Amino acid sequence: MGALTDRVPKPLLEVGGRSLIEHQIGRLAAAGFRDIVVNLAWLGEQIETRLGDGSKLGVRIRYSRESEGALETGGGIRRALPLLGEAPFVVVGADVWSDYPFERLRGAAVDDGHIVLVDNPAHHPQGDFALAPGGQVLDAGDDRLTFSGIGCYQPRLFAARSDGRFPLAAVLRDAIGAGTLSGEHHRGEWVDVGDPDRLRTLDRALWGDRPD
């Protein structure tokens, strides 16, 4: 994102008149989720100031603070485990936008995890994972799809790892190897807001969808 995130954390960049993270929390609240844990890293104090305790968004927010330099997604989830409890929890990347119906993940019965895959965008044509006919996620296959950043996981998937920096992909591949990761193909809208052009395109699209 270049200079756009020099002074503002990426989740607070706005599209359609709301920050990316507020779009996500709004959709989670509409799907019935009430308890939210937000990982804070780069300029995280701005996110906490903006969201507060979550009451204005209809949720309860607690914060997990990452160490200097951040922990990557996997390490951030591991650090947040004491706040997440013993039941499966949903993880959503704050730098994506999607119309995925989060109610599908409420009370979902998962083995070690369940992830949402999407069609490969132009900037990631090779994809990440494949899906077997029964919904098992595979690390190889001809029809690979892109991981959306949306998933539901059992705490045990992360609890065995030491606190520290590690990517989520490493954890997912461990579960794939064990045959305990399922998935689904979401064919609706999804945007990885990874550069200024995608941010502007999404912003224009969302304003166009809003009534006058």
N, C-alpha and C. Protein backbone atom coordinates (compact mmCIF):
# COMPACT_ATOMS: atom_id res chain seq x y z
N MET A 1 0.81 -1.22 0.00
CA MET A 1 0.00 0.00 0.00
C MET A 1 0.84 1.27 0.00
N GLY A 2 2.15 1.13 0.15
CA GLY A 2 3.02 2.29 0.10
C GLY A 2 2.70 3.32 1.16
N ALA A 3 2.64 4.57 0.74
CA ALA A 3 2.46 5.68 1.69
C ALA A 3 1.10 5.66 2.37
N LEU A 4 0.12 4.95 1.80
CA LEU A 4 -1.22 4.91 2.40
C LEU A 4 -1.19 4.35 3.82
N THR A 5 -0.25 3.46 4.10
CA THR A 5 -0.21 2.83 5.43
C THR A 5 0.98 3.29 6.25
N ASP A 6 1.61 4.39 5.85
CA ASP A 6 2.70 4.93 6.67
C ASP A 6 2.18 5.45 8.00
N ARG A 7 0.98 6.01 7.97
CA ARG A 7 0.43 6.62 9.18
C ARG A 7 -0.92 6.03 9.60
N VAL A 8 -1.45 5.15 8.78
CA VAL A 8 -2.75 4.53 9.07
C VAL A 8 -2.61 3.01 8.89
N PRO A 9 -3.02 2.19 9.85
CA PRO A 9 -2.94 0.74 9.65
C PRO A 9 -3.90 0.30 8.55
N LYS A 10 -3.51 -0.71 7.82
CA LYS A 10 -4.28 -1.16 6.66
C LYS A 10 -5.75 -1.44 6.97
N PRO A 11 -6.09 -2.08 8.11
CA PRO A 11 -7.51 -2.35 8.39
C PRO A 11 -8.37 -1.09 8.51
N LEU A 12 -7.75 0.08 8.70
CA LEU A 12 -8.54 1.32 8.82
C LEU A 12 -8.65 2.07 7.50
N LEU A 13 -8.08 1.56 6.43
CA LEU A 13 -8.31 2.18 5.13
C LEU A 13 -9.80 2.05 4.78
N GLU A 14 -10.35 3.08 4.18
CA GLU A 14 -11.80 3.13 3.97
C GLU A 14 -12.20 2.78 2.55
N VAL A 15 -13.29 2.03 2.45
CA VAL A 15 -13.95 1.75 1.18
C VAL A 15 -15.45 1.90 1.42
N GLY A 16 -16.11 2.61 0.52
CA GLY A 16 -17.55 2.78 0.68
C GLY A 16 -17.94 3.50 1.95
N GLY A 17 -17.06 4.38 2.46
CA GLY A 17 -17.40 5.18 3.63
C GLY A 17 -17.14 4.51 4.97
N ARG A 18 -16.59 3.29 4.99
CA ARG A 18 -16.28 2.60 6.24
C ARG A 18 -14.91 1.95 6.11
N SER A 19 -14.25 1.75 7.24
CA SER A 19 -12.96 1.07 7.20
C SER A 19 -13.16 -0.41 6.86
N LEU A 20 -12.11 -1.01 6.33
CA LEU A 20 -12.16 -2.44 6.00
C LEU A 20 -12.58 -3.28 7.19
N ILE A 21 -11.99 -2.99 8.36
CA ILE A 21 -12.29 -3.82 9.53
C ILE A 21 -13.72 -3.60 10.01
N GLU A 22 -14.26 -2.41 9.84
CA GLU A 22 -15.65 -2.18 10.24
C GLU A 22 -16.62 -2.90 9.31
N HIS A 23 -16.28 -2.99 8.03
CA HIS A 23 -17.10 -3.81 7.12
C HIS A 23 -17.15 -5.25 7.62
N GLN A 24 -15.97 -5.81 7.97
CA GLN A 24 -15.91 -7.19 8.42
C GLN A 24 -16.71 -7.40 9.70
N ILE A 25 -16.51 -6.51 10.68
CA ILE A 25 -17.20 -6.67 11.95
C ILE A 25 -18.70 -6.51 11.76
N GLY A 26 -19.12 -5.61 10.89
CA GLY A 26 -20.54 -5.45 10.62
C GLY A 26 -21.16 -6.71 10.06
N ARG A 27 -20.48 -7.37 9.16
CA ARG A 27 -21.00 -8.61 8.59
C ARG A 27 -20.99 -9.74 9.62
N LEU A 28 -19.97 -9.79 10.46
CA LEU A 28 -19.94 -10.80 11.52
C LEU A 28 -21.09 -10.57 12.50
N ALA A 29 -21.34 -9.32 12.87
CA ALA A 29 -22.44 -9.02 13.79
C ALA A 29 -23.77 -9.40 13.18
N ALA A 30 -23.96 -9.12 11.90
CA ALA A 30 -25.21 -9.46 11.22
C ALA A 30 -25.42 -10.97 11.18
N ALA A 31 -24.32 -11.74 11.21
CA ALA A 31 -24.41 -13.20 11.20
C ALA A 31 -24.55 -13.79 12.60
N GLY A 32 -24.59 -12.93 13.62
CA GLY A 32 -24.83 -13.40 14.98
C GLY A 32 -23.60 -13.53 15.85
N PHE A 33 -22.44 -13.16 15.35
CA PHE A 33 -21.23 -13.19 16.18
C PHE A 33 -21.21 -11.95 17.08
N ARG A 34 -20.90 -12.15 18.34
CA ARG A 34 -20.90 -11.03 19.29
C ARG A 34 -19.56 -10.79 19.96
N ASP A 35 -18.76 -11.82 20.13
CA ASP A 35 -17.46 -11.69 20.80
C ASP A 35 -16.34 -11.70 19.77
N ILE A 36 -15.61 -10.60 19.69
CA ILE A 36 -14.57 -10.40 18.68
C ILE A 36 -13.24 -10.16 19.37
N VAL A 37 -12.19 -10.79 18.88
CA VAL A 37 -10.82 -10.52 19.32
C VAL A 37 -10.08 -9.92 18.13
N VAL A 38 -9.46 -8.76 18.33
CA VAL A 38 -8.73 -8.08 17.27
C VAL A 38 -7.24 -8.12 17.60
N ASN A 39 -6.44 -8.63 16.67
CA ASN A 39 -4.99 -8.61 16.84
C ASN A 39 -4.46 -7.23 16.47
N LEU A 40 -3.62 -6.70 17.31
CA LEU A 40 -3.03 -5.38 17.06
C LEU A 40 -1.54 -5.50 16.82
N ALA A 41 -1.08 -4.87 15.73
CA ALA A 41 0.35 -4.82 15.45
C ALA A 41 0.70 -3.40 15.03
N TRP A 42 1.05 -3.18 13.77
CA TRP A 42 1.47 -1.88 13.27
C TRP A 42 0.39 -0.83 13.48
N LEU A 43 0.69 0.22 14.26
CA LEU A 43 -0.23 1.32 14.55
C LEU A 43 -1.55 0.81 15.14
N GLY A 44 -1.46 -0.27 15.89
CA GLY A 44 -2.66 -0.90 16.43
C GLY A 44 -3.46 -0.02 17.36
N GLU A 45 -2.79 0.94 18.01
CA GLU A 45 -3.53 1.82 18.93
C GLU A 45 -4.60 2.61 18.19
N GLN A 46 -4.38 2.88 16.90
CA GLN A 46 -5.40 3.59 16.14
C GLN A 46 -6.66 2.73 15.95
N ILE A 47 -6.46 1.44 15.76
CA ILE A 47 -7.60 0.53 15.62
C ILE A 47 -8.39 0.48 16.91
N GLU A 48 -7.69 0.37 18.04
CA GLU A 48 -8.38 0.32 19.33
C GLU A 48 -9.14 1.61 19.60
N THR A 49 -8.54 2.74 19.25
CA THR A 49 -9.23 4.02 19.44
C THR A 49 -10.48 4.08 18.57
N ARG A 50 -10.40 3.61 17.35
CA ARG A 50 -11.52 3.66 16.41
C ARG A 50 -12.66 2.73 16.83
N LEU A 51 -12.34 1.52 17.23
CA LEU A 51 -13.37 0.52 17.51
C LEU A 51 -13.84 0.51 18.95
N GLY A 52 -12.98 0.92 19.87
CA GLY A 52 -13.34 0.91 21.29
C GLY A 52 -13.71 -0.48 21.77
N ASP A 53 -14.76 -0.56 22.58
CA ASP A 53 -15.18 -1.86 23.11
C ASP A 53 -16.13 -2.59 22.17
N GLY A 54 -16.41 -1.99 21.01
CA GLY A 54 -17.26 -2.64 20.01
C GLY A 54 -18.74 -2.37 20.14
N SER A 55 -19.14 -1.70 21.21
CA SER A 55 -20.58 -1.51 21.48
C SER A 55 -21.28 -0.75 20.35
N LYS A 56 -20.59 0.18 19.72
CA LYS A 56 -21.21 0.94 18.63
C LYS A 56 -21.44 0.07 17.39
N LEU A 57 -20.75 -1.04 17.33
CA LEU A 57 -20.91 -1.97 16.21
C LEU A 57 -21.75 -3.18 16.58
N GLY A 58 -22.26 -3.21 17.80
CA GLY A 58 -23.11 -4.31 18.23
C GLY A 58 -22.37 -5.56 18.65
N VAL A 59 -21.08 -5.41 19.00
CA VAL A 59 -20.28 -6.56 19.42
C VAL A 59 -19.47 -6.21 20.66
N ARG A 60 -18.78 -7.20 21.22
CA ARG A 60 -17.85 -6.99 22.32
C ARG A 60 -16.45 -7.29 21.79
N ILE A 61 -15.56 -6.30 21.86
CA ILE A 61 -14.22 -6.45 21.32
C ILE A 61 -13.19 -6.48 22.43
N ARG A 62 -12.29 -7.47 22.34
CA ARG A 62 -11.08 -7.50 23.16
C ARG A 62 -9.89 -7.49 22.22
N TYR A 63 -8.74 -7.10 22.76
CA TYR A 63 -7.57 -6.90 21.91
C TYR A 63 -6.41 -7.79 22.34
N SER A 64 -5.74 -8.35 21.35
CA SER A 64 -4.52 -9.12 21.58
C SER A 64 -3.38 -8.36 20.94
N ARG A 65 -2.41 -7.98 21.73
CA ARG A 65 -1.31 -7.14 21.25
C ARG A 65 -0.10 -7.98 20.87
N GLU A 66 0.32 -7.82 19.62
CA GLU A 66 1.47 -8.57 19.14
C GLU A 66 2.76 -7.83 19.50
N SER A 67 3.84 -8.57 19.46
CA SER A 67 5.14 -8.00 19.80
C SER A 67 5.63 -7.09 18.68
N GLU A 68 6.67 -6.34 18.96
CA GLU A 68 7.26 -5.45 17.96
C GLU A 68 7.64 -6.24 16.71
N GLY A 69 7.21 -5.75 15.55
CA GLY A 69 7.51 -6.44 14.31
C GLY A 69 6.44 -7.42 13.88
N ALA A 70 5.41 -7.62 14.70
CA ALA A 70 4.27 -8.50 14.40
C ALA A 70 4.67 -9.97 14.38
N LEU A 71 3.68 -10.83 14.41
CA LEU A 71 3.90 -12.27 14.57
C LEU A 71 3.45 -13.08 13.37
N GLU A 72 3.07 -12.44 12.29
CA GLU A 72 2.40 -13.09 11.16
C GLU A 72 1.06 -13.66 11.66
N THR A 73 0.27 -14.16 10.72
CA THR A 73 -1.09 -14.57 11.08
C THR A 73 -1.10 -15.74 12.06
N GLY A 74 -0.29 -16.74 11.79
CA GLY A 74 -0.27 -17.90 12.68
C GLY A 74 0.17 -17.55 14.08
N GLY A 75 1.26 -16.81 14.19
CA GLY A 75 1.74 -16.41 15.51
C GLY A 75 0.77 -15.50 16.23
N GLY A 76 0.08 -14.64 15.47
CA GLY A 76 -0.92 -13.77 16.08
C GLY A 76 -2.08 -14.54 16.67
N ILE A 77 -2.52 -15.57 15.95
CA ILE A 77 -3.60 -16.42 16.48
C ILE A 77 -3.13 -17.15 17.72
N ARG A 78 -1.92 -17.68 17.67
CA ARG A 78 -1.37 -18.39 18.85
C ARG A 78 -1.33 -17.46 20.06
N ARG A 79 -0.91 -16.23 19.87
CA ARG A 79 -0.85 -15.27 20.98
C ARG A 79 -2.25 -14.98 21.54
N ALA A 80 -3.26 -15.01 20.69
CA ALA A 80 -4.62 -14.65 21.10
C ALA A 80 -5.39 -15.80 21.74
N LEU A 81 -4.84 -17.01 21.76
CA LEU A 81 -5.59 -18.17 22.26
C LEU A 81 -6.21 -17.98 23.64
N PRO A 82 -5.52 -17.35 24.61
CA PRO A 82 -6.15 -17.18 25.93
C PRO A 82 -7.46 -16.39 25.89
N LEU A 83 -7.65 -15.58 24.85
CA LEU A 83 -8.89 -14.80 24.73
C LEU A 83 -9.96 -15.51 23.93
N LEU A 84 -9.60 -16.60 23.27
CA LEU A 84 -10.51 -17.23 22.31
C LEU A 84 -11.32 -18.39 22.89
N GLY A 85 -10.92 -18.91 24.04
CA GLY A 85 -11.68 -19.98 24.65
C GLY A 85 -11.38 -21.34 24.06
N GLU A 86 -12.23 -22.31 24.35
CA GLU A 86 -11.97 -23.71 23.98
C GLU A 86 -12.79 -24.16 22.77
N ALA A 87 -13.72 -23.37 22.32
CA ALA A 87 -14.56 -23.75 21.19
C ALA A 87 -13.90 -23.32 19.88
N PRO A 88 -14.32 -23.89 18.76
CA PRO A 88 -13.81 -23.43 17.47
C PRO A 88 -14.07 -21.93 17.29
N PHE A 89 -13.15 -21.25 16.63
CA PHE A 89 -13.29 -19.81 16.43
C PHE A 89 -13.07 -19.48 14.96
N VAL A 90 -13.64 -18.37 14.54
CA VAL A 90 -13.54 -17.91 13.16
C VAL A 90 -12.44 -16.86 13.06
N VAL A 91 -11.63 -16.95 12.02
CA VAL A 91 -10.59 -15.96 11.74
C VAL A 91 -10.91 -15.30 10.40
N VAL A 92 -10.84 -13.99 10.37
CA VAL A 92 -11.10 -13.23 9.15
C VAL A 92 -9.99 -12.21 8.98
N GLY A 93 -9.34 -12.20 7.85
CA GLY A 93 -8.33 -11.19 7.57
C GLY A 93 -8.97 -9.82 7.44
N ALA A 94 -8.40 -8.84 8.13
CA ALA A 94 -8.99 -7.50 8.12
C ALA A 94 -8.69 -6.73 6.85
N ASP A 95 -7.86 -7.29 5.97
CA ASP A 95 -7.50 -6.58 4.74
C ASP A 95 -8.15 -7.20 3.51
N VAL A 96 -9.27 -7.92 3.72
CA VAL A 96 -10.04 -8.43 2.59
C VAL A 96 -11.47 -7.94 2.72
N TRP A 97 -12.18 -7.97 1.60
CA TRP A 97 -13.60 -7.65 1.60
C TRP A 97 -14.33 -8.77 0.88
N SER A 98 -15.45 -9.21 1.43
CA SER A 98 -16.17 -10.31 0.82
C SER A 98 -17.64 -10.28 1.22
N ASP A 99 -18.48 -10.88 0.38
CA ASP A 99 -19.89 -11.05 0.73
C ASP A 99 -20.14 -12.46 1.28
N TYR A 100 -19.08 -13.15 1.70
CA TYR A 100 -19.24 -14.50 2.25
C TYR A 100 -20.22 -14.48 3.42
N PRO A 101 -21.19 -15.40 3.46
CA PRO A 101 -22.18 -15.45 4.56
C PRO A 101 -21.59 -16.11 5.81
N PHE A 102 -21.15 -15.31 6.75
CA PHE A 102 -20.46 -15.83 7.93
C PHE A 102 -21.33 -16.73 8.80
N GLU A 103 -22.65 -16.66 8.65
CA GLU A 103 -23.51 -17.52 9.45
C GLU A 103 -23.23 -19.00 9.18
N ARG A 104 -22.64 -19.32 8.04
CA ARG A 104 -22.29 -20.71 7.76
C ARG A 104 -21.30 -21.26 8.76
N LEU A 105 -20.51 -20.39 9.37
CA LEU A 105 -19.45 -20.83 10.27
C LEU A 105 -19.87 -20.81 11.73
N ARG A 106 -21.06 -20.33 12.03
CA ARG A 106 -21.52 -20.32 13.42
C ARG A 106 -21.84 -21.74 13.86
N GLY A 107 -21.17 -22.19 14.90
CA GLY A 107 -21.40 -23.53 15.41
C GLY A 107 -20.97 -24.62 14.45
N ALA A 108 -20.08 -24.28 13.51
CA ALA A 108 -19.64 -25.26 12.52
C ALA A 108 -18.91 -26.43 13.19
N ALA A 109 -19.20 -27.64 12.72
CA ALA A 109 -18.51 -28.83 13.21
C ALA A 109 -17.26 -29.02 12.34
N VAL A 110 -16.10 -28.76 12.91
CA VAL A 110 -14.86 -28.89 12.15
C VAL A 110 -13.95 -29.89 12.84
N ASP A 111 -13.10 -30.52 12.06
CA ASP A 111 -12.09 -31.41 12.62
C ASP A 111 -11.01 -30.52 13.23
N ASP A 112 -9.94 -30.23 12.51
CA ASP A 112 -8.98 -29.24 12.99
C ASP A 112 -9.28 -27.86 12.42
N GLY A 113 -9.85 -27.84 11.23
CA GLY A 113 -10.13 -26.54 10.63
C GLY A 113 -10.96 -26.66 9.37
N HIS A 114 -11.54 -25.53 8.98
CA HIS A 114 -12.35 -25.43 7.76
C HIS A 114 -12.06 -24.06 7.15
N ILE A 115 -11.64 -24.02 5.89
CA ILE A 115 -11.28 -22.76 5.26
C ILE A 115 -12.15 -22.47 4.05
N VAL A 116 -12.23 -21.19 3.71
CA VAL A 116 -13.00 -20.74 2.56
C VAL A 116 -12.03 -20.41 1.43
N LEU A 117 -12.25 -21.01 0.28
CA LEU A 117 -11.44 -20.78 -0.90
C LEU A 117 -12.25 -20.01 -1.94
N VAL A 118 -11.57 -19.24 -2.77
CA VAL A 118 -12.23 -18.43 -3.78
C VAL A 118 -11.52 -18.61 -5.13
N ASP A 119 -12.18 -18.14 -6.19
CA ASP A 119 -11.55 -18.16 -7.50
C ASP A 119 -10.24 -17.38 -7.47
N ASN A 120 -9.28 -17.81 -8.25
CA ASN A 120 -7.97 -17.16 -8.24
C ASN A 120 -8.05 -15.77 -8.86
N PRO A 121 -7.63 -14.74 -8.13
CA PRO A 121 -7.61 -13.39 -8.71
C PRO A 121 -6.46 -13.24 -9.70
N ALA A 122 -6.50 -12.18 -10.47
CA ALA A 122 -5.48 -11.96 -11.50
C ALA A 122 -4.07 -11.89 -10.93
N HIS A 123 -3.94 -11.36 -9.70
CA HIS A 123 -2.60 -11.22 -9.12
C HIS A 123 -2.10 -12.49 -8.45
N HIS A 124 -2.94 -13.56 -8.42
CA HIS A 124 -2.53 -14.82 -7.78
C HIS A 124 -3.10 -15.99 -8.59
N PRO A 125 -2.72 -16.11 -9.86
CA PRO A 125 -3.37 -17.09 -10.74
C PRO A 125 -3.06 -18.55 -10.40
N GLN A 126 -1.99 -18.80 -9.67
CA GLN A 126 -1.60 -20.18 -9.37
C GLN A 126 -2.42 -20.78 -8.23
N GLY A 127 -3.11 -19.96 -7.45
CA GLY A 127 -3.90 -20.47 -6.34
C GLY A 127 -3.06 -20.98 -5.19
N ASP A 128 -3.73 -21.57 -4.20
CA ASP A 128 -3.06 -22.06 -2.99
C ASP A 128 -3.31 -23.54 -2.74
N PHE A 129 -4.58 -23.93 -2.75
CA PHE A 129 -4.96 -25.29 -2.39
C PHE A 129 -6.03 -25.81 -3.35
N ALA A 130 -6.18 -27.13 -3.36
CA ALA A 130 -7.24 -27.77 -4.14
C ALA A 130 -8.26 -28.38 -3.19
N LEU A 131 -9.44 -28.67 -3.73
CA LEU A 131 -10.51 -29.30 -2.94
C LEU A 131 -10.85 -30.67 -3.52
N ALA A 132 -10.86 -31.68 -2.66
CA ALA A 132 -11.33 -33.00 -3.07
C ALA A 132 -12.85 -32.96 -3.16
N PRO A 133 -13.47 -33.91 -3.88
CA PRO A 133 -14.94 -33.91 -4.02
C PRO A 133 -15.68 -33.90 -2.68
N GLY A 134 -15.11 -34.50 -1.65
CA GLY A 134 -15.78 -34.54 -0.35
C GLY A 134 -15.52 -33.32 0.51
N GLY A 135 -14.73 -32.35 0.00
CA GLY A 135 -14.47 -31.14 0.76
C GLY A 135 -13.15 -31.12 1.49
N GLN A 136 -12.34 -32.18 1.38
CA GLN A 136 -11.04 -32.17 2.03
C GLN A 136 -10.10 -31.27 1.25
N VAL A 137 -9.31 -30.47 1.97
CA VAL A 137 -8.35 -29.57 1.33
C VAL A 137 -7.07 -30.33 1.02
N LEU A 138 -6.58 -30.12 -0.20
CA LEU A 138 -5.37 -30.78 -0.67
C LEU A 138 -4.30 -29.74 -0.97
N ASP A 139 -3.05 -30.13 -0.80
CA ASP A 139 -1.95 -29.20 -1.07
C ASP A 139 -1.53 -29.24 -2.53
N ALA A 140 -2.08 -30.17 -3.29
CA ALA A 140 -1.73 -30.28 -4.71
C ALA A 140 -2.99 -30.64 -5.50
N GLY A 141 -2.99 -30.27 -6.76
CA GLY A 141 -4.14 -30.56 -7.62
C GLY A 141 -4.17 -29.61 -8.79
N ASP A 142 -4.89 -30.01 -9.82
CA ASP A 142 -4.96 -29.18 -11.02
C ASP A 142 -5.83 -27.95 -10.84
N ASP A 143 -6.92 -28.10 -10.13
CA ASP A 143 -7.87 -27.00 -9.98
C ASP A 143 -7.67 -26.31 -8.64
N ARG A 144 -6.56 -25.60 -8.51
CA ARG A 144 -6.23 -24.95 -7.26
C ARG A 144 -7.01 -23.64 -7.13
N LEU A 145 -7.39 -23.33 -5.90
CA LEU A 145 -8.12 -22.12 -5.58
C LEU A 145 -7.31 -21.29 -4.60
N THR A 146 -7.75 -20.08 -4.36
CA THR A 146 -7.03 -19.15 -3.47
C THR A 146 -7.66 -19.13 -2.09
N PHE A 147 -6.83 -19.18 -1.07
CA PHE A 147 -7.31 -19.07 0.30
C PHE A 147 -7.79 -17.64 0.53
N SER A 148 -9.00 -17.50 1.05
CA SER A 148 -9.63 -16.19 1.19
C SER A 148 -9.20 -15.42 2.42
N GLY A 149 -8.54 -16.08 3.38
CA GLY A 149 -8.26 -15.44 4.67
C GLY A 149 -9.37 -15.66 5.68
N ILE A 150 -10.39 -16.44 5.29
CA ILE A 150 -11.53 -16.75 6.16
C ILE A 150 -11.46 -18.22 6.53
N GLY A 151 -11.56 -18.53 7.81
CA GLY A 151 -11.53 -19.92 8.24
C GLY A 151 -12.07 -20.09 9.65
N CYS A 152 -12.33 -21.34 10.00
CA CYS A 152 -12.80 -21.70 11.34
C CYS A 152 -11.86 -22.79 11.86
N TYR A 153 -11.35 -22.62 13.08
CA TYR A 153 -10.30 -23.51 13.57
C TYR A 153 -10.55 -23.96 15.00
N GLN A 154 -10.05 -25.16 15.30
CA GLN A 154 -10.00 -25.64 16.67
C GLN A 154 -8.77 -25.04 17.35
N PRO A 155 -8.87 -24.64 18.63
CA PRO A 155 -7.70 -24.09 19.33
C PRO A 155 -6.50 -25.02 19.32
N ARG A 156 -6.75 -26.34 19.35
CA ARG A 156 -5.63 -27.29 19.42
C ARG A 156 -4.71 -27.20 18.22
N LEU A 157 -5.22 -26.68 17.10
CA LEU A 157 -4.40 -26.56 15.90
C LEU A 157 -3.21 -25.62 16.13
N PHE A 158 -3.37 -24.67 17.05
CA PHE A 158 -2.33 -23.68 17.33
C PHE A 158 -1.67 -23.89 18.69
N ALA A 159 -2.38 -24.54 19.61
CA ALA A 159 -1.91 -24.63 21.00
C ALA A 159 -0.60 -25.39 21.12
N ALA A 160 -0.34 -26.33 20.23
CA ALA A 160 0.88 -27.14 20.33
C ALA A 160 2.12 -26.37 19.90
N ARG A 161 1.93 -25.24 19.26
CA ARG A 161 3.07 -24.45 18.77
C ARG A 161 3.54 -23.47 19.84
N SER A 162 4.81 -23.17 19.80
CA SER A 162 5.38 -22.20 20.74
C SER A 162 4.95 -20.79 20.34
N ASP A 163 4.82 -19.95 21.33
CA ASP A 163 4.49 -18.55 21.07
C ASP A 163 5.63 -17.92 20.27
N GLY A 164 5.29 -17.23 19.22
CA GLY A 164 6.31 -16.62 18.38
C GLY A 164 5.79 -16.37 16.98
N ARG A 165 6.67 -16.02 16.09
CA ARG A 165 6.31 -15.64 14.73
C ARG A 165 6.26 -16.86 13.82
N PHE A 166 5.11 -17.10 13.17
CA PHE A 166 5.03 -18.15 12.16
C PHE A 166 3.79 -17.90 11.29
N PRO A 167 3.84 -18.35 10.03
CA PRO A 167 2.72 -18.10 9.12
C PRO A 167 1.57 -19.07 9.31
N LEU A 168 0.39 -18.63 8.99
CA LEU A 168 -0.78 -19.51 9.05
C LEU A 168 -0.65 -20.65 8.05
N ALA A 169 -0.03 -20.40 6.90
CA ALA A 169 0.09 -21.44 5.88
C ALA A 169 0.77 -22.68 6.42
N ALA A 170 1.74 -22.52 7.30
CA ALA A 170 2.44 -23.67 7.86
C ALA A 170 1.50 -24.53 8.69
N VAL A 171 0.60 -23.89 9.43
CA VAL A 171 -0.37 -24.61 10.25
C VAL A 171 -1.38 -25.33 9.36
N LEU A 172 -1.84 -24.65 8.32
CA LEU A 172 -2.80 -25.26 7.41
C LEU A 172 -2.20 -26.48 6.73
N ARG A 173 -0.95 -26.40 6.33
CA ARG A 173 -0.33 -27.53 5.66
C ARG A 173 -0.11 -28.71 6.61
N ASP A 174 0.12 -28.44 7.88
CA ASP A 174 0.18 -29.53 8.86
C ASP A 174 -1.16 -30.25 8.93
N ALA A 175 -2.25 -29.48 8.95
CA ALA A 175 -3.59 -30.08 9.01
C ALA A 175 -3.91 -30.82 7.71
N ILE A 176 -3.49 -30.28 6.59
CA ILE A 176 -3.70 -30.97 5.31
C ILE A 176 -2.99 -32.31 5.33
N GLY A 177 -1.75 -32.32 5.82
CA GLY A 177 -0.99 -33.56 5.90
C GLY A 177 -1.66 -34.60 6.80
N ALA A 178 -2.35 -34.12 7.82
CA ALA A 178 -3.05 -35.02 8.74
C ALA A 178 -4.45 -35.38 8.24
N GLY A 179 -4.88 -34.75 7.15
CA GLY A 179 -6.22 -35.01 6.62
C GLY A 179 -7.33 -34.42 7.45
N THR A 180 -7.03 -33.33 8.20
CA THR A 180 -8.02 -32.78 9.14
C THR A 180 -8.47 -31.36 8.78
N LEU A 181 -8.23 -30.95 7.52
CA LEU A 181 -8.65 -29.62 7.09
C LEU A 181 -9.66 -29.76 5.97
N SER A 182 -10.86 -29.23 6.20
CA SER A 182 -11.89 -29.21 5.16
C SER A 182 -12.01 -27.81 4.58
N GLY A 183 -12.75 -27.69 3.49
CA GLY A 183 -12.89 -26.39 2.86
C GLY A 183 -14.14 -26.30 2.02
N GLU A 184 -14.40 -25.11 1.54
CA GLU A 184 -15.52 -24.86 0.64
C GLU A 184 -15.10 -23.81 -0.38
N HIS A 185 -15.80 -23.80 -1.50
CA HIS A 185 -15.52 -22.85 -2.57
C HIS A 185 -16.59 -21.77 -2.56
N HIS A 186 -16.21 -20.56 -2.17
CA HIS A 186 -17.14 -19.43 -2.21
C HIS A 186 -17.04 -18.77 -3.58
N ARG A 187 -18.16 -18.75 -4.29
CA ARG A 187 -18.16 -18.22 -5.65
C ARG A 187 -18.67 -16.78 -5.73
N GLY A 188 -18.89 -16.18 -4.57
CA GLY A 188 -19.36 -14.80 -4.54
C GLY A 188 -18.23 -13.80 -4.62
N GLU A 189 -18.46 -12.62 -4.09
CA GLU A 189 -17.49 -11.53 -4.20
C GLU A 189 -16.41 -11.66 -3.13
N TRP A 190 -15.20 -11.35 -3.54
CA TRP A 190 -14.06 -11.36 -2.62
C TRP A 190 -12.96 -10.50 -3.23
N VAL A 191 -12.38 -9.64 -2.41
CA VAL A 191 -11.29 -8.78 -2.87
C VAL A 191 -10.18 -8.79 -1.83
N ASP A 192 -8.97 -9.10 -2.28
CA ASP A 192 -7.78 -8.92 -1.45
C ASP A 192 -7.30 -7.49 -1.69
N VAL A 193 -7.50 -6.64 -0.70
CA VAL A 193 -7.21 -5.22 -0.88
C VAL A 193 -5.71 -5.00 -0.66
N GLY A 194 -4.91 -5.45 -1.63
CA GLY A 194 -3.48 -5.48 -1.44
C GLY A 194 -2.69 -4.36 -2.07
N ASP A 195 -3.34 -3.49 -2.85
CA ASP A 195 -2.62 -2.37 -3.44
C ASP A 195 -3.59 -1.21 -3.66
N PRO A 196 -3.09 -0.01 -3.90
CA PRO A 196 -3.96 1.16 -4.03
C PRO A 196 -5.00 1.03 -5.15
N ASP A 197 -4.65 0.37 -6.25
CA ASP A 197 -5.61 0.23 -7.35
C ASP A 197 -6.81 -0.61 -6.93
N ARG A 198 -6.56 -1.71 -6.23
CA ARG A 198 -7.67 -2.55 -5.77
C ARG A 198 -8.50 -1.82 -4.72
N LEU A 199 -7.84 -1.03 -3.89
CA LEU A 199 -8.56 -0.23 -2.90
C LEU A 199 -9.50 0.75 -3.60
N ARG A 200 -9.01 1.47 -4.59
CA ARG A 200 -9.83 2.45 -5.30
C ARG A 200 -10.97 1.77 -6.07
N THR A 201 -10.68 0.65 -6.70
CA THR A 201 -11.72 -0.06 -7.45
C THR A 201 -12.85 -0.52 -6.53
N LEU A 202 -12.49 -1.08 -5.38
CA LEU A 202 -13.50 -1.52 -4.42
C LEU A 202 -14.28 -0.34 -3.87
N ASP A 203 -13.60 0.75 -3.58
CA ASP A 203 -14.26 1.94 -3.06
C ASP A 203 -15.32 2.44 -4.04
N ARG A 204 -14.97 2.52 -5.30
CA ARG A 204 -15.93 2.97 -6.32
C ARG A 204 -17.10 2.02 -6.41
N ALA A 205 -16.83 0.73 -6.38
CA ALA A 205 -17.90 -0.27 -6.49
C ALA A 205 -18.87 -0.18 -5.32
N LEU A 206 -18.35 0.00 -4.10
CA LEU A 206 -19.23 0.07 -2.93
C LEU A 206 -20.03 1.34 -2.90
N TRP A 207 -19.43 2.46 -3.29
CA TRP A 207 -20.22 3.69 -3.36
C TRP A 207 -21.31 3.56 -4.41
N GLY A 208 -21.03 2.83 -5.49
CA GLY A 208 -22.04 2.65 -6.52
C GLY A 208 -23.20 1.81 -6.05
N ASP A 209 -22.95 0.94 -5.05
CA ASP A 209 -24.01 0.07 -4.52
C ASP A 209 -24.85 0.76 -3.46
N ARG A 210 -24.39 1.93 -2.98
CA ARG A 210 -25.11 2.61 -1.90
C ARG A 210 -26.24 3.46 -2.47
N PRO A 211 -27.39 3.48 -1.79
CA PRO A 211 -28.48 4.34 -2.27
C PRO A 211 -28.15 5.80 -2.09
N ASP A 212 -28.73 6.67 -2.93
CA ASP A 212 -28.50 8.11 -2.82
C ASP A 212 -29.13 8.66 -1.54
